[in-house]
Amino acid sequence: MARLIFTQQLARFLPVPEVAVDAPTLHAALERAFSANPQLRSYIVDEQGHLRENVVVFIDGRRAADRVGLQDALLPASTVYILQALSGG
């Protein structure tokens, strides 16, 4: 099963446990994570379901290419990091 690891920065607002999912694409994996934790959705995707501007996803060490359809393929052993950019100084 692919592992989804969400940034711990979100832990200030909601639980962000590591999620193991059997999913062929990033979209399917995120939908399963959101079904278990609906509050997570608004931090990761916008109203159209696209990755938010401040969110970046790495799949097996490579940046996800499809920020709109989230159709990047996952393998059963994939590791997916969902991170948020920080700003300020």
Protein backbone atom coordinates (compact mmCIF):
# COMPACT_ATOMS: atom_id res chain seq x y z
CA MET A 1 0.00 0.00 0.00
CA ALA A 2 1.18 3.51 -0.76
CA ARG A 3 2.01 5.62 2.27
CA LEU A 4 0.78 9.22 2.52
CA ILE A 5 2.77 11.36 4.90
CA PHE A 6 1.33 14.79 5.59
CA THR A 7 3.37 17.71 6.81
CA GLN A 8 3.45 17.94 10.57
CA GLN A 9 2.77 21.69 10.25
CA LEU A 10 -0.89 20.70 9.90
CA ALA A 11 -0.79 18.97 13.29
CA ARG A 12 -1.39 22.39 14.87
CA PHE A 13 -4.90 22.34 13.35
CA LEU A 14 -5.96 18.69 12.98
CA PRO A 15 -4.69 15.14 13.34
CA VAL A 16 -2.41 14.14 10.46
CA PRO A 17 -1.60 10.48 10.85
CA GLU A 18 0.34 8.63 8.20
CA VAL A 19 -2.17 6.96 5.87
CA ALA A 20 -1.70 3.67 4.00
CA VAL A 21 -3.89 3.36 0.91
CA ASP A 22 -4.32 1.03 -2.03
CA ALA A 23 -4.77 3.54 -4.85
CA PRO A 24 -3.54 3.78 -8.45
CA THR A 25 -3.27 7.60 -8.56
CA LEU A 26 -2.56 10.53 -6.29
CA HIS A 27 -6.18 11.65 -6.68
CA ALA A 28 -7.57 8.31 -5.51
CA ALA A 29 -5.13 8.19 -2.60
CA LEU A 30 -6.00 11.69 -1.43
CA GLU A 31 -9.73 11.00 -1.71
CA ARG A 32 -9.32 8.00 0.58
CA ALA A 33 -7.37 10.10 3.06
CA PHE A 34 -10.02 12.84 2.90
CA SER A 35 -12.83 10.34 3.49
CA ALA A 36 -11.14 9.32 6.73
CA ASN A 37 -10.30 12.91 7.68
CA PRO A 38 -12.62 15.41 5.87
CA GLN A 39 -11.03 18.49 7.45
CA LEU A 40 -7.77 17.69 5.71
CA ARG A 41 -9.23 18.41 2.25
CA SER A 42 -9.39 22.19 2.60
CA TYR A 43 -5.72 22.39 3.56
CA ILE A 44 -4.54 20.35 0.57
CA VAL A 45 -6.85 21.12 -2.38
CA ASP A 46 -8.87 24.14 -3.45
CA GLU A 47 -12.58 24.30 -4.28
CA GLN A 48 -11.92 22.78 -7.74
CA GLY A 49 -9.94 19.88 -6.29
CA HIS A 50 -6.58 21.21 -7.52
CA LEU A 51 -3.54 21.28 -5.28
CA ARG A 52 -3.38 24.58 -3.44
CA GLU A 53 -0.62 26.96 -4.51
CA ASN A 54 1.23 26.48 -1.24
CA VAL A 55 1.12 22.68 -1.37
CA VAL A 56 3.72 20.48 -3.01
CA VAL A 57 3.62 16.70 -3.32
CA PHE A 58 6.57 14.36 -3.79
CA ILE A 59 5.97 10.80 -4.96
CA ASP A 60 8.94 8.51 -4.48
CA GLY A 61 11.23 11.53 -4.38
CA ARG A 62 9.84 13.22 -7.52
CA ARG A 63 7.56 16.22 -7.54
CA ALA A 64 4.00 15.43 -8.64
CA ALA A 65 3.50 16.73 -12.19
CA ASP A 66 -0.29 16.97 -12.37
CA ARG A 67 -1.44 19.66 -9.92
CA VAL A 68 -4.89 19.88 -11.54
CA GLY A 69 -6.11 16.32 -12.15
CA LEU A 70 -3.79 14.69 -9.60
CA GLN A 71 -3.38 11.75 -11.98
CA ASP A 72 0.24 10.95 -11.09
CA ALA A 73 0.55 7.17 -10.81
CA LEU A 74 1.29 5.48 -7.52
CA LEU A 75 2.89 2.09 -7.01
CA PRO A 76 1.91 -0.19 -4.14
CA ALA A 77 5.16 0.70 -2.37
CA SER A 78 5.08 4.44 -3.14
CA THR A 79 5.84 6.98 -0.47
CA VAL A 80 4.01 10.29 -0.89
CA TYR A 81 4.98 13.40 1.03
CA ILE A 82 2.42 16.22 1.14
CA LEU A 83 4.12 19.45 2.19
CA GLN A 84 3.19 23.10 2.58
CA ALA A 85 5.41 26.01 1.71
CA LEU A 86 6.10 28.43 4.52
CA SER A 87 6.41 32.15 4.17
CA GLY A 88 7.23 34.95 6.49
CA GLY A 89 10.40 35.92 8.14
